[in-house]
Amino acid sequence: MRRDLDPMDMGPALLPHSLLTDVDLAVGNVRHRVVGTSVAESFGRDITGIDLSEVLRGSYYDFIHGLFMLTCKRRLPVFSHSQFRWDEGRMLRTSRLMMPLSRDGRNADMAFMVQVFEHEMPPALPHVQIFEDGSWLDISEQYAFFAVDAPVL
């Protein structure tokens, strides 16, 4: 539950890489509620309070939006890593762990995410896993549509 997550308990190593996101499954809206400083620096601005659709575009938006929807619809942790072309042509790799949260104890309406960015050349296709029934299940083929060279901003 959301009330069980206290950012102050995370400490300085994890908090800068963290995001707390509202996810409205009924309308498909994703809004960043809290964004760590490392994530904001990687985006080049603070994206707190901004809808995902205003931050990303194209197939990268579809990919990330789909991960948020998967996390909350299935109420399962999702791990993924992918590469993408950023702003001035920089190729970045990012790894993220998304975990569903609930305000009411029944419906997953938020996601807590930890995300790190790397600047080395990663594999071409995204890698996506969900944690289900006590083990990680690879569902990468569902996200093969994501085009690495598509603009994201």
N, C-alpha and C. Protein backbone atom coordinates (compact mmCIF):
# COMPACT_ATOMS: atom_id res chain seq x y z
N MET A 1 0.83 -1.18 0.00
CA MET A 1 0.00 0.00 0.00
C MET A 1 0.88 1.25 0.00
N ARG A 2 0.33 2.32 -0.51
CA ARG A 2 1.06 3.57 -0.59
C ARG A 2 1.49 4.06 0.78
N ARG A 3 0.65 3.89 1.77
CA ARG A 3 0.99 4.40 3.11
C ARG A 3 2.20 3.69 3.71
N ASP A 4 2.56 2.52 3.18
CA ASP A 4 3.70 1.77 3.68
C ASP A 4 5.02 2.21 3.06
N LEU A 5 4.96 3.12 2.10
CA LEU A 5 6.16 3.59 1.42
C LEU A 5 6.53 4.98 1.94
N ASP A 6 7.64 5.06 2.65
CA ASP A 6 8.11 6.34 3.18
C ASP A 6 9.43 6.69 2.51
N PRO A 7 9.45 7.73 1.67
CA PRO A 7 10.68 8.10 0.98
C PRO A 7 11.86 8.34 1.93
N MET A 8 11.59 8.78 3.13
CA MET A 8 12.68 9.04 4.08
C MET A 8 13.39 7.75 4.49
N ASP A 9 12.72 6.61 4.38
CA ASP A 9 13.33 5.32 4.71
C ASP A 9 14.25 4.81 3.60
N MET A 10 14.17 5.40 2.41
CA MET A 10 14.94 4.91 1.27
C MET A 10 16.41 5.29 1.34
N GLY A 11 16.70 6.42 1.87
CA GLY A 11 18.09 6.84 1.99
C GLY A 11 18.61 7.51 0.73
N PRO A 12 19.79 8.11 0.84
CA PRO A 12 20.34 8.92 -0.24
C PRO A 12 20.81 8.13 -1.46
N ALA A 13 21.00 6.83 -1.34
CA ALA A 13 21.45 6.05 -2.50
C ALA A 13 20.30 5.73 -3.45
N LEU A 14 19.09 5.56 -2.93
CA LEU A 14 17.95 5.15 -3.74
C LEU A 14 17.04 6.31 -4.14
N LEU A 15 16.83 7.23 -3.25
CA LEU A 15 15.86 8.31 -3.47
C LEU A 15 16.10 9.12 -4.75
N PRO A 16 17.32 9.48 -5.12
CA PRO A 16 17.51 10.27 -6.35
C PRO A 16 17.08 9.54 -7.63
N HIS A 17 16.99 8.22 -7.58
CA HIS A 17 16.65 7.41 -8.75
C HIS A 17 15.19 6.97 -8.74
N SER A 18 14.40 7.52 -7.84
CA SER A 18 13.03 7.06 -7.62
C SER A 18 11.99 7.98 -8.24
N LEU A 19 10.87 7.38 -8.63
CA LEU A 19 9.70 8.12 -9.10
C LEU A 19 8.46 7.52 -8.44
N LEU A 20 7.55 8.37 -8.06
CA LEU A 20 6.24 7.95 -7.59
C LEU A 20 5.24 8.50 -8.59
N THR A 21 4.43 7.62 -9.16
CA THR A 21 3.60 7.99 -10.30
C THR A 21 2.15 7.60 -10.07
N ASP A 22 1.23 8.52 -10.36
CA ASP A 22 -0.20 8.20 -10.35
C ASP A 22 -0.54 7.53 -11.67
N VAL A 23 -1.30 6.44 -11.59
CA VAL A 23 -1.70 5.70 -12.79
C VAL A 23 -3.22 5.54 -12.75
N ASP A 24 -3.90 6.16 -13.71
CA ASP A 24 -5.35 6.05 -13.82
C ASP A 24 -5.66 5.05 -14.93
N LEU A 25 -5.96 3.82 -14.53
CA LEU A 25 -6.21 2.77 -15.51
C LEU A 25 -7.48 3.03 -16.34
N ALA A 26 -8.46 3.71 -15.77
CA ALA A 26 -9.72 3.94 -16.47
C ALA A 26 -9.53 4.80 -17.72
N VAL A 27 -8.67 5.80 -17.63
CA VAL A 27 -8.45 6.69 -18.78
C VAL A 27 -7.05 6.53 -19.38
N GLY A 28 -6.23 5.71 -18.74
CA GLY A 28 -4.88 5.47 -19.27
C GLY A 28 -3.91 6.61 -19.02
N ASN A 29 -4.16 7.40 -17.99
CA ASN A 29 -3.30 8.55 -17.70
C ASN A 29 -2.20 8.18 -16.70
N VAL A 30 -1.00 8.70 -16.95
CA VAL A 30 0.15 8.50 -16.07
C VAL A 30 0.73 9.88 -15.76
N ARG A 31 0.82 10.21 -14.46
CA ARG A 31 1.34 11.51 -14.04
C ARG A 31 2.40 11.29 -12.97
N HIS A 32 3.55 11.94 -13.15
CA HIS A 32 4.64 11.81 -12.19
C HIS A 32 4.37 12.69 -10.97
N ARG A 33 4.23 12.06 -9.83
CA ARG A 33 3.93 12.77 -8.60
C ARG A 33 5.21 13.25 -7.90
N VAL A 34 6.22 12.37 -7.81
CA VAL A 34 7.50 12.69 -7.19
C VAL A 34 8.60 12.15 -8.11
N VAL A 35 9.60 12.97 -8.37
CA VAL A 35 10.69 12.58 -9.27
C VAL A 35 12.02 12.87 -8.58
N GLY A 36 12.87 11.85 -8.49
CA GLY A 36 14.17 12.01 -7.87
C GLY A 36 15.09 12.91 -8.68
N THR A 37 16.10 13.45 -8.01
CA THR A 37 17.00 14.41 -8.65
C THR A 37 17.81 13.80 -9.79
N SER A 38 18.24 12.56 -9.67
CA SER A 38 19.00 11.92 -10.74
C SER A 38 18.16 11.74 -11.99
N VAL A 39 16.89 11.38 -11.80
CA VAL A 39 15.97 11.22 -12.93
C VAL A 39 15.73 12.58 -13.58
N ALA A 40 15.49 13.60 -12.78
CA ALA A 40 15.26 14.95 -13.32
C ALA A 40 16.48 15.42 -14.10
N GLU A 41 17.67 15.17 -13.60
CA GLU A 41 18.89 15.56 -14.31
C GLU A 41 19.00 14.83 -15.66
N SER A 42 18.65 13.56 -15.67
CA SER A 42 18.71 12.80 -16.92
C SER A 42 17.71 13.32 -17.95
N PHE A 43 16.56 13.80 -17.49
CA PHE A 43 15.56 14.36 -18.39
C PHE A 43 15.86 15.82 -18.74
N GLY A 44 16.76 16.42 -18.01
CA GLY A 44 17.11 17.81 -18.27
C GLY A 44 16.14 18.80 -17.68
N ARG A 45 15.20 18.32 -16.88
CA ARG A 45 14.23 19.18 -16.21
C ARG A 45 13.47 18.37 -15.17
N ASP A 46 12.82 19.06 -14.26
CA ASP A 46 11.99 18.38 -13.27
C ASP A 46 10.65 18.04 -13.91
N ILE A 47 10.30 16.78 -13.91
CA ILE A 47 9.04 16.35 -14.53
C ILE A 47 7.97 16.04 -13.49
N THR A 48 8.17 16.53 -12.26
CA THR A 48 7.17 16.36 -11.20
C THR A 48 5.88 17.06 -11.60
N GLY A 49 4.76 16.35 -11.44
CA GLY A 49 3.45 16.93 -11.75
C GLY A 49 3.09 16.94 -13.22
N ILE A 50 3.91 16.33 -14.05
CA ILE A 50 3.69 16.36 -15.50
C ILE A 50 3.23 14.99 -15.99
N ASP A 51 2.26 14.99 -16.90
CA ASP A 51 1.79 13.74 -17.51
C ASP A 51 2.89 13.12 -18.37
N LEU A 52 2.93 11.81 -18.38
CA LEU A 52 3.91 11.10 -19.20
C LEU A 52 3.81 11.50 -20.67
N SER A 53 2.59 11.76 -21.14
CA SER A 53 2.39 12.15 -22.54
C SER A 53 3.02 13.50 -22.87
N GLU A 54 3.32 14.31 -21.87
CA GLU A 54 3.99 15.59 -22.08
C GLU A 54 5.51 15.47 -21.97
N VAL A 55 5.98 14.30 -21.53
CA VAL A 55 7.41 14.09 -21.33
C VAL A 55 8.02 13.29 -22.47
N LEU A 56 7.30 12.27 -22.93
CA LEU A 56 7.80 11.37 -23.97
C LEU A 56 6.86 11.38 -25.17
N ARG A 57 7.34 10.84 -26.29
CA ARG A 57 6.49 10.72 -27.48
C ARG A 57 6.90 9.49 -28.27
N GLY A 58 6.10 9.19 -29.27
CA GLY A 58 6.43 8.11 -30.19
C GLY A 58 6.42 6.73 -29.55
N SER A 59 7.22 5.85 -30.11
CA SER A 59 7.23 4.47 -29.64
C SER A 59 7.81 4.35 -28.23
N TYR A 60 8.66 5.28 -27.81
CA TYR A 60 9.18 5.22 -26.45
C TYR A 60 8.08 5.55 -25.45
N TYR A 61 7.22 6.52 -25.78
CA TYR A 61 6.05 6.78 -24.94
C TYR A 61 5.18 5.53 -24.87
N ASP A 62 4.89 4.91 -26.00
CA ASP A 62 4.05 3.70 -26.03
C ASP A 62 4.65 2.61 -25.15
N PHE A 63 5.97 2.44 -25.23
CA PHE A 63 6.67 1.43 -24.46
C PHE A 63 6.55 1.69 -22.96
N ILE A 64 6.91 2.90 -22.52
CA ILE A 64 6.88 3.22 -21.09
C ILE A 64 5.45 3.26 -20.56
N HIS A 65 4.54 3.84 -21.32
CA HIS A 65 3.13 3.86 -20.92
C HIS A 65 2.62 2.42 -20.75
N GLY A 66 2.97 1.55 -21.67
CA GLY A 66 2.57 0.15 -21.58
C GLY A 66 3.12 -0.53 -20.34
N LEU A 67 4.33 -0.19 -19.94
CA LEU A 67 4.91 -0.77 -18.72
C LEU A 67 4.15 -0.32 -17.47
N PHE A 68 3.78 0.97 -17.42
CA PHE A 68 2.98 1.45 -16.28
C PHE A 68 1.62 0.74 -16.24
N MET A 69 0.98 0.61 -17.40
CA MET A 69 -0.32 -0.05 -17.44
C MET A 69 -0.19 -1.52 -17.01
N LEU A 70 0.82 -2.20 -17.50
CA LEU A 70 1.06 -3.60 -17.14
C LEU A 70 1.28 -3.74 -15.63
N THR A 71 2.11 -2.87 -15.07
CA THR A 71 2.40 -2.92 -13.64
C THR A 71 1.14 -2.80 -12.81
N CYS A 72 0.27 -1.85 -13.15
CA CYS A 72 -0.92 -1.62 -12.34
C CYS A 72 -2.07 -2.57 -12.68
N LYS A 73 -2.27 -2.91 -13.94
CA LYS A 73 -3.34 -3.85 -14.29
C LYS A 73 -3.10 -5.22 -13.70
N ARG A 74 -1.86 -5.70 -13.82
CA ARG A 74 -1.54 -7.04 -13.32
C ARG A 74 -1.14 -7.03 -11.85
N ARG A 75 -0.90 -5.85 -11.31
CA ARG A 75 -0.46 -5.68 -9.91
C ARG A 75 0.76 -6.53 -9.61
N LEU A 76 1.76 -6.39 -10.53
CA LEU A 76 2.99 -7.15 -10.43
C LEU A 76 4.19 -6.23 -10.62
N PRO A 77 5.32 -6.52 -9.97
CA PRO A 77 6.54 -5.78 -10.27
C PRO A 77 6.99 -6.06 -11.70
N VAL A 78 7.50 -5.04 -12.37
CA VAL A 78 8.00 -5.18 -13.74
C VAL A 78 9.42 -4.61 -13.78
N PHE A 79 10.35 -5.41 -14.29
CA PHE A 79 11.72 -4.96 -14.49
C PHE A 79 11.96 -4.86 -15.99
N SER A 80 12.62 -3.80 -16.42
CA SER A 80 12.94 -3.68 -17.84
C SER A 80 14.22 -2.89 -18.01
N HIS A 81 14.89 -3.14 -19.12
CA HIS A 81 15.96 -2.24 -19.53
C HIS A 81 15.90 -2.11 -21.03
N SER A 82 16.27 -0.93 -21.50
CA SER A 82 16.15 -0.62 -22.91
C SER A 82 17.13 0.49 -23.26
N GLN A 83 17.29 0.72 -24.53
CA GLN A 83 18.08 1.85 -24.99
C GLN A 83 17.19 2.76 -25.82
N PHE A 84 17.60 4.00 -25.92
CA PHE A 84 16.85 4.95 -26.73
C PHE A 84 17.76 6.10 -27.11
N ARG A 85 17.37 6.79 -28.16
CA ARG A 85 18.10 7.98 -28.62
C ARG A 85 17.49 9.19 -27.93
N TRP A 86 18.31 9.93 -27.22
CA TRP A 86 17.87 11.04 -26.42
C TRP A 86 18.22 12.36 -27.08
N ASP A 87 17.58 13.39 -26.76
CA ASP A 87 17.72 14.77 -27.22
C ASP A 87 18.68 14.98 -28.39
N GLU A 88 19.93 15.20 -28.16
CA GLU A 88 20.87 15.54 -29.22
C GLU A 88 21.56 14.31 -29.80
N GLY A 89 20.84 13.22 -29.88
CA GLY A 89 21.40 12.02 -30.47
C GLY A 89 22.13 11.10 -29.51
N ARG A 90 22.15 11.45 -28.22
CA ARG A 90 22.80 10.58 -27.25
C ARG A 90 22.06 9.25 -27.16
N MET A 91 22.80 8.15 -27.20
CA MET A 91 22.20 6.84 -26.95
C MET A 91 22.34 6.55 -25.47
N LEU A 92 21.25 6.27 -24.82
CA LEU A 92 21.25 5.95 -23.40
C LEU A 92 20.66 4.58 -23.18
N ARG A 93 21.10 3.96 -22.12
CA ARG A 93 20.47 2.72 -21.65
C ARG A 93 19.89 3.04 -20.28
N THR A 94 18.73 2.51 -20.04
CA THR A 94 18.11 2.69 -18.74
C THR A 94 17.56 1.36 -18.25
N SER A 95 17.65 1.17 -16.97
CA SER A 95 17.04 0.02 -16.31
C SER A 95 16.07 0.55 -15.28
N ARG A 96 14.92 -0.12 -15.18
CA ARG A 96 13.90 0.37 -14.26
C ARG A 96 13.18 -0.81 -13.61
N LEU A 97 12.80 -0.61 -12.36
CA LEU A 97 11.96 -1.55 -11.65
C LEU A 97 10.72 -0.78 -11.24
N MET A 98 9.56 -1.24 -11.72
CA MET A 98 8.28 -0.62 -11.39
C MET A 98 7.52 -1.55 -10.45
N MET A 99 6.94 -0.97 -9.41
CA MET A 99 6.17 -1.75 -8.45
C MET A 99 4.83 -1.09 -8.22
N PRO A 100 3.75 -1.86 -8.27
CA PRO A 100 2.42 -1.28 -8.09
C PRO A 100 2.18 -0.89 -6.64
N LEU A 101 1.42 0.18 -6.46
CA LEU A 101 1.00 0.63 -5.14
C LEU A 101 -0.50 0.88 -5.17
N SER A 102 -1.10 0.87 -3.99
CA SER A 102 -2.54 1.08 -3.88
C SER A 102 -2.84 2.03 -2.74
N ARG A 103 -3.75 2.95 -3.01
CA ARG A 103 -4.20 3.84 -1.94
C ARG A 103 -5.25 3.15 -1.08
N ASP A 104 -6.07 2.29 -1.70
CA ASP A 104 -7.18 1.69 -0.97
C ASP A 104 -6.96 0.21 -0.60
N GLY A 105 -5.83 -0.35 -0.96
CA GLY A 105 -5.53 -1.74 -0.63
C GLY A 105 -6.09 -2.75 -1.61
N ARG A 106 -6.83 -2.29 -2.63
CA ARG A 106 -7.42 -3.20 -3.62
C ARG A 106 -6.96 -2.89 -5.04
N ASN A 107 -7.01 -1.63 -5.43
CA ASN A 107 -6.72 -1.22 -6.80
C ASN A 107 -5.34 -0.59 -6.90
N ALA A 108 -4.54 -1.07 -7.83
CA ALA A 108 -3.22 -0.47 -8.06
C ALA A 108 -3.43 0.81 -8.85
N ASP A 109 -3.23 1.94 -8.20
CA ASP A 109 -3.46 3.24 -8.84
C ASP A 109 -2.23 4.13 -8.80
N MET A 110 -1.10 3.54 -8.39
CA MET A 110 0.18 4.25 -8.37
C MET A 110 1.28 3.25 -8.70
N ALA A 111 2.41 3.77 -9.08
CA ALA A 111 3.58 2.92 -9.29
C ALA A 111 4.78 3.61 -8.67
N PHE A 112 5.59 2.82 -7.99
CA PHE A 112 6.87 3.30 -7.49
C PHE A 112 7.92 2.73 -8.42
N MET A 113 8.79 3.59 -8.92
CA MET A 113 9.80 3.14 -9.88
C MET A 113 11.17 3.63 -9.45
N VAL A 114 12.14 2.74 -9.61
CA VAL A 114 13.55 3.10 -9.46
C VAL A 114 14.16 2.97 -10.84
N GLN A 115 14.85 4.02 -11.30
CA GLN A 115 15.39 4.05 -12.66
C GLN A 115 16.81 4.60 -12.65
N VAL A 116 17.69 3.89 -13.35
CA VAL A 116 19.07 4.36 -13.51
C VAL A 116 19.37 4.47 -15.00
N PHE A 117 20.22 5.43 -15.34
CA PHE A 117 20.62 5.67 -16.73
C PHE A 117 22.10 5.35 -16.89
N GLU A 118 22.44 4.73 -18.01
CA GLU A 118 23.82 4.42 -18.34
C GLU A 118 24.12 4.98 -19.73
N HIS A 119 25.38 5.24 -20.00
CA HIS A 119 25.74 5.87 -21.27
C HIS A 119 26.54 4.94 -22.18
N GLU A 120 26.47 3.66 -21.96
CA GLU A 120 27.17 2.72 -22.83
C GLU A 120 26.18 2.07 -23.78
N MET A 121 26.68 1.42 -24.81
CA MET A 121 25.82 0.82 -25.83
C MET A 121 25.15 -0.46 -25.30
N PRO A 122 23.83 -0.49 -25.26
CA PRO A 122 23.09 -1.64 -24.77
C PRO A 122 22.61 -2.54 -25.92
N PRO A 123 21.93 -3.63 -25.58
CA PRO A 123 21.31 -4.44 -26.62
C PRO A 123 20.24 -3.63 -27.36
N ALA A 124 19.96 -3.99 -28.59
CA ALA A 124 19.04 -3.21 -29.43
C ALA A 124 17.59 -3.30 -28.98
N LEU A 125 17.14 -4.46 -28.54
CA LEU A 125 15.73 -4.61 -28.17
C LEU A 125 15.56 -4.48 -26.66
N PRO A 126 14.41 -3.96 -26.23
CA PRO A 126 14.16 -3.86 -24.79
C PRO A 126 14.02 -5.23 -24.16
N HIS A 127 14.31 -5.29 -22.89
CA HIS A 127 14.18 -6.50 -22.11
C HIS A 127 13.16 -6.20 -21.01
N VAL A 128 12.08 -7.00 -20.92
CA VAL A 128 11.01 -6.75 -19.97
C VAL A 128 10.68 -8.05 -19.25
N GLN A 129 10.62 -7.98 -17.92
CA GLN A 129 10.26 -9.14 -17.11
C GLN A 129 9.22 -8.72 -16.08
N ILE A 130 8.33 -9.65 -15.74
CA ILE A 130 7.40 -9.43 -14.64
C ILE A 130 7.66 -10.49 -13.58
N PHE A 131 7.38 -10.14 -12.33
CA PHE A 131 7.55 -11.08 -11.23
C PHE A 131 6.19 -11.66 -10.91
N GLU A 132 6.01 -12.95 -11.22
CA GLU A 132 4.71 -13.59 -11.06
C GLU A 132 4.91 -14.99 -10.50
N ASP A 133 4.10 -15.34 -9.52
CA ASP A 133 4.14 -16.67 -8.92
C ASP A 133 5.54 -17.05 -8.44
N GLY A 134 6.25 -16.09 -7.86
CA GLY A 134 7.54 -16.36 -7.25
C GLY A 134 8.74 -16.40 -8.16
N SER A 135 8.57 -16.04 -9.44
CA SER A 135 9.73 -16.03 -10.33
C SER A 135 9.54 -14.96 -11.41
N TRP A 136 10.66 -14.61 -12.06
CA TRP A 136 10.65 -13.61 -13.13
C TRP A 136 10.31 -14.27 -14.45
N LEU A 137 9.36 -13.70 -15.18
CA LEU A 137 8.90 -14.21 -16.47
C LEU A 137 9.28 -13.19 -17.55
N ASP A 138 9.99 -13.64 -18.58
CA ASP A 138 10.43 -12.76 -19.67
C ASP A 138 9.28 -12.55 -20.65
N ILE A 139 8.85 -11.29 -20.82
CA ILE A 139 7.78 -10.95 -21.77
C ILE A 139 8.27 -9.95 -22.80
N SER A 140 9.56 -9.98 -23.08
CA SER A 140 10.19 -9.00 -23.98
C SER A 140 9.55 -8.96 -25.36
N GLU A 141 9.11 -10.10 -25.88
CA GLU A 141 8.56 -10.13 -27.24
C GLU A 141 7.34 -9.23 -27.39
N GLN A 142 6.63 -8.95 -26.30
CA GLN A 142 5.47 -8.06 -26.37
C GLN A 142 5.87 -6.61 -26.63
N TYR A 143 7.15 -6.28 -26.44
CA TYR A 143 7.62 -4.92 -26.58
C TYR A 143 8.62 -4.75 -27.71
N ALA A 144 8.64 -5.68 -28.63
CA ALA A 144 9.56 -5.62 -29.77
C ALA A 144 9.24 -4.46 -30.71
N PHE A 145 8.05 -3.84 -30.57
CA PHE A 145 7.66 -2.71 -31.43
C PHE A 145 8.50 -1.47 -31.16
N PHE A 146 9.12 -1.38 -29.99
CA PHE A 146 9.81 -0.16 -29.60
C PHE A 146 11.01 0.07 -30.51
N ALA A 147 10.98 1.18 -31.23
CA ALA A 147 12.04 1.53 -32.17
C ALA A 147 13.09 2.37 -31.46
N VAL A 148 14.30 1.86 -31.40
CA VAL A 148 15.38 2.53 -30.67
C VAL A 148 15.68 3.90 -31.24
N ASP A 149 15.59 4.09 -32.54
CA ASP A 149 15.95 5.37 -33.15
C ASP A 149 14.82 6.40 -33.14
N ALA A 150 13.66 6.03 -32.62
CA ALA A 150 12.55 6.98 -32.60
C ALA A 150 12.85 8.09 -31.60
N PRO A 151 12.49 9.35 -31.92
CA PRO A 151 12.69 10.44 -30.96
C PRO A 151 11.78 10.27 -29.77
N VAL A 152 12.26 10.67 -28.59
CA VAL A 152 11.46 10.51 -27.37
C VAL A 152 11.04 11.83 -26.77
N LEU A 153 11.60 12.91 -27.22
CA LEU A 153 11.23 14.23 -26.67
C LEU A 153 10.52 15.07 -27.70
